[in-house]
Amino acid sequence: MIELDIAANARLLPGVLRPKGKVVIYGTGGAEAALPAYFCLVNSINLQFFLVYELDNRERSEAVTAITTMLESNWLMHNVAATFPLERIVEAHEAVESGRIVGNVVLQIAQP
């Protein structure tokens, strides 16, 4: 399982993980998270914290290749609610904040 906000979602872990499951955590909305410690202990849950910014070039290339392979084989699904060019970043933020768009929003950054 990949977790984007462990502080908000830790309480949900018992409902979505199997014994010996793994949670890769690379985001949190708060400084602290209340973990279901007993559930994690008796089910041997692995919590791994991860910062994408610490990947070296080789690791980044391997990650991009692995993710691309998973997307192409439909093993990993993405849910993009809307895409905006970078020039419309204000509109993108306003759409999310107003609730007009719910889900992932992608900003396209032009390549030089």
N, C-alpha and C. Protein backbone atom coordinates (compact mmCIF):
# COMPACT_ATOMS: atom_id res chain seq x y z
N MET A 1 0.85 -1.17 0.00
CA MET A 1 0.00 0.00 0.00
C MET A 1 0.90 1.24 0.00
N ILE A 2 0.51 2.24 -0.72
CA ILE A 2 1.23 3.50 -0.75
C ILE A 2 0.39 4.53 -0.02
N GLU A 3 0.98 5.21 0.93
CA GLU A 3 0.23 6.15 1.77
C GLU A 3 0.75 7.57 1.58
N LEU A 4 -0.16 8.47 1.22
CA LEU A 4 0.19 9.87 1.00
C LEU A 4 0.00 10.73 2.24
N ASP A 5 -0.86 10.31 3.15
CA ASP A 5 -1.13 11.11 4.35
C ASP A 5 -1.37 10.18 5.53
N ILE A 6 -0.28 9.69 6.11
CA ILE A 6 -0.37 8.72 7.20
C ILE A 6 -1.08 9.30 8.42
N ALA A 7 -0.94 10.59 8.68
CA ALA A 7 -1.61 11.19 9.84
C ALA A 7 -3.12 11.09 9.71
N ALA A 8 -3.65 11.27 8.52
CA ALA A 8 -5.09 11.23 8.30
C ALA A 8 -5.61 9.80 8.16
N ASN A 9 -4.79 8.89 7.66
CA ASN A 9 -5.30 7.58 7.27
C ASN A 9 -4.81 6.39 8.08
N ALA A 10 -3.97 6.60 9.07
CA ALA A 10 -3.42 5.48 9.84
C ALA A 10 -4.52 4.60 10.43
N ARG A 11 -5.60 5.20 10.88
CA ARG A 11 -6.69 4.43 11.50
C ARG A 11 -7.35 3.46 10.53
N LEU A 12 -7.16 3.69 9.22
CA LEU A 12 -7.77 2.83 8.20
C LEU A 12 -6.95 1.57 7.90
N LEU A 13 -5.72 1.51 8.37
CA LEU A 13 -4.83 0.40 8.01
C LEU A 13 -5.42 -0.98 8.30
N PRO A 14 -6.05 -1.21 9.47
CA PRO A 14 -6.60 -2.55 9.72
C PRO A 14 -7.63 -2.99 8.69
N GLY A 15 -8.30 -2.08 8.06
CA GLY A 15 -9.32 -2.43 7.08
C GLY A 15 -8.80 -2.68 5.68
N VAL A 16 -7.53 -2.35 5.42
CA VAL A 16 -7.03 -2.47 4.05
C VAL A 16 -5.77 -3.31 3.90
N LEU A 17 -5.18 -3.73 5.01
CA LEU A 17 -3.93 -4.50 4.93
C LEU A 17 -4.13 -5.94 5.33
N ARG A 18 -3.42 -6.81 4.66
CA ARG A 18 -3.40 -8.22 5.03
C ARG A 18 -2.22 -8.44 5.99
N PRO A 19 -2.19 -9.56 6.70
CA PRO A 19 -1.02 -9.85 7.54
C PRO A 19 0.26 -9.79 6.71
N LYS A 20 1.29 -9.27 7.31
CA LYS A 20 2.61 -9.07 6.70
C LYS A 20 2.56 -8.07 5.55
N GLY A 21 1.55 -7.19 5.55
CA GLY A 21 1.44 -6.15 4.53
C GLY A 21 2.50 -5.07 4.73
N LYS A 22 2.69 -4.28 3.71
CA LYS A 22 3.70 -3.22 3.75
C LYS A 22 3.06 -1.90 3.35
N VAL A 23 3.38 -0.85 4.10
CA VAL A 23 2.91 0.49 3.81
C VAL A 23 4.13 1.35 3.52
N VAL A 24 4.18 1.93 2.32
CA VAL A 24 5.25 2.87 1.97
C VAL A 24 4.67 4.26 2.16
N ILE A 25 5.26 5.00 3.07
CA ILE A 25 4.72 6.30 3.48
C ILE A 25 5.63 7.40 2.94
N TYR A 26 5.06 8.25 2.10
CA TYR A 26 5.85 9.37 1.61
C TYR A 26 5.10 10.68 1.70
N GLY A 27 4.22 10.75 2.68
CA GLY A 27 3.53 12.01 2.90
C GLY A 27 2.74 11.97 4.19
N THR A 28 2.53 13.15 4.74
CA THR A 28 1.69 13.27 5.93
C THR A 28 1.19 14.69 6.03
N GLY A 29 -0.04 14.81 6.46
CA GLY A 29 -0.63 16.13 6.62
C GLY A 29 -0.40 16.70 8.01
N GLY A 30 0.15 15.90 8.89
CA GLY A 30 0.39 16.36 10.25
C GLY A 30 1.74 15.89 10.75
N ALA A 31 2.16 16.48 11.84
CA ALA A 31 3.47 16.15 12.40
C ALA A 31 3.47 14.79 13.09
N GLU A 32 2.31 14.34 13.54
CA GLU A 32 2.23 13.06 14.26
C GLU A 32 1.05 12.25 13.74
N ALA A 33 1.19 10.93 13.83
CA ALA A 33 0.12 10.01 13.41
C ALA A 33 -0.14 9.01 14.52
N ALA A 34 -1.40 8.77 14.81
CA ALA A 34 -1.78 7.74 15.79
C ALA A 34 -1.90 6.42 15.03
N LEU A 35 -0.94 5.54 15.22
CA LEU A 35 -0.91 4.26 14.51
C LEU A 35 -1.67 3.19 15.28
N PRO A 36 -2.33 2.28 14.58
CA PRO A 36 -2.95 1.14 15.24
C PRO A 36 -1.85 0.12 15.58
N ALA A 37 -1.09 0.41 16.62
CA ALA A 37 0.12 -0.33 16.96
C ALA A 37 -0.13 -1.81 17.19
N TYR A 38 -1.19 -2.18 17.91
CA TYR A 38 -1.44 -3.59 18.19
C TYR A 38 -1.71 -4.35 16.89
N PHE A 39 -2.53 -3.78 16.02
CA PHE A 39 -2.80 -4.40 14.72
C PHE A 39 -1.50 -4.60 13.95
N CYS A 40 -0.66 -3.56 13.91
CA CYS A 40 0.60 -3.64 13.17
C CYS A 40 1.52 -4.71 13.77
N LEU A 41 1.55 -4.80 15.10
CA LEU A 41 2.41 -5.77 15.77
C LEU A 41 1.97 -7.20 15.49
N VAL A 42 0.72 -7.52 15.77
CA VAL A 42 0.27 -8.91 15.64
C VAL A 42 0.15 -9.36 14.19
N ASN A 43 0.15 -8.44 13.25
CA ASN A 43 0.08 -8.78 11.83
C ASN A 43 1.40 -8.56 11.10
N SER A 44 2.45 -8.24 11.84
CA SER A 44 3.79 -8.02 11.26
C SER A 44 3.75 -7.04 10.09
N ILE A 45 3.09 -5.91 10.32
CA ILE A 45 2.98 -4.88 9.28
C ILE A 45 4.30 -4.13 9.18
N ASN A 46 4.75 -3.90 7.95
CA ASN A 46 5.99 -3.18 7.69
C ASN A 46 5.64 -1.76 7.28
N LEU A 47 6.13 -0.78 8.04
CA LEU A 47 5.95 0.63 7.70
C LEU A 47 7.30 1.16 7.20
N GLN A 48 7.33 1.65 5.98
CA GLN A 48 8.57 2.17 5.40
C GLN A 48 8.34 3.62 5.01
N PHE A 49 9.12 4.52 5.60
CA PHE A 49 9.05 5.94 5.25
C PHE A 49 10.01 6.19 4.10
N PHE A 50 9.59 7.07 3.18
CA PHE A 50 10.32 7.23 1.92
C PHE A 50 10.25 8.67 1.45
N LEU A 51 11.38 9.22 1.06
CA LEU A 51 11.44 10.56 0.47
C LEU A 51 11.95 10.46 -0.96
N VAL A 52 11.11 10.79 -1.91
CA VAL A 52 11.48 10.71 -3.32
C VAL A 52 12.66 11.63 -3.63
N TYR A 53 12.82 12.69 -2.87
CA TYR A 53 13.88 13.67 -3.11
C TYR A 53 15.27 13.10 -2.83
N GLU A 54 15.34 11.97 -2.14
CA GLU A 54 16.63 11.38 -1.80
C GLU A 54 17.09 10.32 -2.80
N LEU A 55 16.32 10.09 -3.87
CA LEU A 55 16.72 9.11 -4.88
C LEU A 55 17.91 9.63 -5.68
N ASP A 56 18.89 8.74 -5.92
CA ASP A 56 19.97 9.14 -6.83
C ASP A 56 19.50 8.85 -8.25
N ASN A 57 20.32 9.19 -9.24
CA ASN A 57 19.91 9.05 -10.65
C ASN A 57 19.56 7.61 -11.01
N ARG A 58 20.34 6.63 -10.54
CA ARG A 58 20.06 5.23 -10.83
C ARG A 58 18.74 4.80 -10.21
N GLU A 59 18.53 5.14 -8.95
CA GLU A 59 17.28 4.77 -8.27
C GLU A 59 16.07 5.42 -8.93
N ARG A 60 16.21 6.68 -9.33
CA ARG A 60 15.12 7.38 -9.99
C ARG A 60 14.78 6.70 -11.33
N SER A 61 15.79 6.35 -12.10
CA SER A 61 15.58 5.68 -13.38
C SER A 61 14.89 4.33 -13.19
N GLU A 62 15.33 3.56 -12.20
CA GLU A 62 14.70 2.27 -11.90
C GLU A 62 13.25 2.45 -11.48
N ALA A 63 12.97 3.46 -10.68
CA ALA A 63 11.60 3.71 -10.22
C ALA A 63 10.70 4.10 -11.39
N VAL A 64 11.18 4.97 -12.27
CA VAL A 64 10.39 5.38 -13.42
C VAL A 64 10.10 4.18 -14.32
N THR A 65 11.10 3.34 -14.55
CA THR A 65 10.91 2.14 -15.37
C THR A 65 9.89 1.20 -14.73
N ALA A 66 10.00 0.97 -13.43
CA ALA A 66 9.07 0.06 -12.74
C ALA A 66 7.64 0.60 -12.77
N ILE A 67 7.48 1.88 -12.52
CA ILE A 67 6.14 2.48 -12.53
C ILE A 67 5.54 2.44 -13.94
N THR A 68 6.35 2.74 -14.94
CA THR A 68 5.89 2.70 -16.33
C THR A 68 5.43 1.29 -16.69
N THR A 69 6.20 0.28 -16.31
CA THR A 69 5.83 -1.11 -16.57
C THR A 69 4.51 -1.47 -15.90
N MET A 70 4.33 -1.05 -14.64
CA MET A 70 3.09 -1.33 -13.93
C MET A 70 1.90 -0.64 -14.57
N LEU A 71 2.08 0.60 -15.00
CA LEU A 71 0.99 1.32 -15.67
C LEU A 71 0.62 0.65 -16.99
N GLU A 72 1.62 0.28 -17.77
CA GLU A 72 1.37 -0.33 -19.08
C GLU A 72 0.70 -1.69 -18.96
N SER A 73 0.93 -2.40 -17.85
CA SER A 73 0.34 -3.73 -17.67
C SER A 73 -0.97 -3.67 -16.88
N ASN A 74 -1.43 -2.45 -16.58
CA ASN A 74 -2.66 -2.24 -15.80
C ASN A 74 -2.59 -2.80 -14.39
N TRP A 75 -1.39 -3.03 -13.90
CA TRP A 75 -1.23 -3.48 -12.52
C TRP A 75 -1.36 -2.30 -11.56
N LEU A 76 -0.99 -1.14 -12.03
CA LEU A 76 -1.08 0.10 -11.26
C LEU A 76 -1.99 1.05 -12.04
N MET A 77 -3.01 1.52 -11.40
CA MET A 77 -3.96 2.41 -12.05
C MET A 77 -3.75 3.83 -11.51
N HIS A 78 -3.87 4.80 -12.36
CA HIS A 78 -3.80 6.19 -11.90
C HIS A 78 -5.17 6.82 -12.06
N ASN A 79 -5.44 7.77 -11.20
CA ASN A 79 -6.74 8.44 -11.21
C ASN A 79 -6.50 9.94 -11.32
N VAL A 80 -6.53 10.44 -12.53
CA VAL A 80 -6.32 11.86 -12.77
C VAL A 80 -7.67 12.49 -13.07
N ALA A 81 -8.09 13.40 -12.20
CA ALA A 81 -9.39 14.05 -12.37
C ALA A 81 -9.31 15.18 -13.39
N ALA A 82 -8.16 15.85 -13.47
CA ALA A 82 -8.02 16.98 -14.40
C ALA A 82 -6.54 17.25 -14.65
N THR A 83 -6.27 17.83 -15.81
CA THR A 83 -4.91 18.23 -16.18
C THR A 83 -4.94 19.69 -16.61
N PHE A 84 -3.98 20.47 -16.12
CA PHE A 84 -3.89 21.88 -16.46
C PHE A 84 -2.46 22.19 -16.89
N PRO A 85 -2.28 23.11 -17.84
CA PRO A 85 -0.92 23.59 -18.12
C PRO A 85 -0.46 24.44 -16.94
N LEU A 86 0.83 24.52 -16.74
CA LEU A 86 1.38 25.26 -15.60
C LEU A 86 0.88 26.71 -15.57
N GLU A 87 0.65 27.29 -16.73
CA GLU A 87 0.18 28.68 -16.79
C GLU A 87 -1.19 28.86 -16.12
N ARG A 88 -1.93 27.76 -15.93
CA ARG A 88 -3.27 27.84 -15.32
C ARG A 88 -3.26 27.28 -13.90
N ILE A 89 -2.12 27.40 -13.21
CA ILE A 89 -1.99 26.84 -11.87
C ILE A 89 -2.99 27.45 -10.89
N VAL A 90 -3.27 28.74 -11.01
CA VAL A 90 -4.24 29.38 -10.12
C VAL A 90 -5.62 28.76 -10.32
N GLU A 91 -6.02 28.57 -11.57
CA GLU A 91 -7.30 27.95 -11.87
C GLU A 91 -7.37 26.52 -11.31
N ALA A 92 -6.27 25.79 -11.41
CA ALA A 92 -6.23 24.42 -10.88
C ALA A 92 -6.44 24.41 -9.37
N HIS A 93 -5.74 25.30 -8.67
CA HIS A 93 -5.89 25.39 -7.21
C HIS A 93 -7.32 25.78 -6.84
N GLU A 94 -7.87 26.75 -7.53
CA GLU A 94 -9.23 27.19 -7.23
C GLU A 94 -10.25 26.09 -7.48
N ALA A 95 -10.05 25.29 -8.52
CA ALA A 95 -10.97 24.19 -8.82
C ALA A 95 -10.97 23.15 -7.71
N VAL A 96 -9.79 22.83 -7.18
CA VAL A 96 -9.70 21.87 -6.08
C VAL A 96 -10.28 22.45 -4.80
N GLU A 97 -9.88 23.68 -4.48
CA GLU A 97 -10.33 24.32 -3.24
C GLU A 97 -11.84 24.51 -3.20
N SER A 98 -12.45 24.75 -4.34
CA SER A 98 -13.90 24.98 -4.39
C SER A 98 -14.68 23.66 -4.37
N GLY A 99 -14.00 22.54 -4.58
CA GLY A 99 -14.68 21.26 -4.64
C GLY A 99 -15.21 20.91 -6.02
N ARG A 100 -14.95 21.79 -7.00
CA ARG A 100 -15.40 21.53 -8.37
C ARG A 100 -14.70 20.31 -8.96
N ILE A 101 -13.46 20.08 -8.54
CA ILE A 101 -12.70 18.91 -8.96
C ILE A 101 -12.30 18.14 -7.70
N VAL A 102 -12.60 16.85 -7.71
CA VAL A 102 -12.20 15.98 -6.61
C VAL A 102 -11.33 14.89 -7.20
N GLY A 103 -10.13 14.76 -6.69
CA GLY A 103 -9.21 13.76 -7.20
C GLY A 103 -7.86 14.39 -7.51
N ASN A 104 -7.04 13.64 -8.20
CA ASN A 104 -5.69 14.11 -8.52
C ASN A 104 -5.73 15.12 -9.66
N VAL A 105 -4.98 16.20 -9.50
CA VAL A 105 -4.83 17.21 -10.52
C VAL A 105 -3.38 17.25 -10.95
N VAL A 106 -3.14 17.18 -12.24
CA VAL A 106 -1.79 17.19 -12.77
C VAL A 106 -1.52 18.52 -13.44
N LEU A 107 -0.35 19.10 -13.14
CA LEU A 107 0.10 20.32 -13.83
C LEU A 107 1.15 19.91 -14.85
N GLN A 108 0.93 20.29 -16.10
CA GLN A 108 1.87 19.98 -17.17
C GLN A 108 2.96 21.03 -17.20
N ILE A 109 4.19 20.58 -17.11
CA ILE A 109 5.33 21.49 -17.18
C ILE A 109 6.02 21.21 -18.51
N ALA A 110 6.10 22.23 -19.35
CA ALA A 110 6.69 22.08 -20.67
C ALA A 110 8.16 21.74 -20.54
N GLN A 111 8.63 20.84 -21.40
CA GLN A 111 10.03 20.46 -21.45
C GLN A 111 10.78 21.44 -22.34
N PRO A 112 11.99 21.85 -21.93
CA PRO A 112 12.76 22.79 -22.76
C PRO A 112 13.20 22.17 -24.08
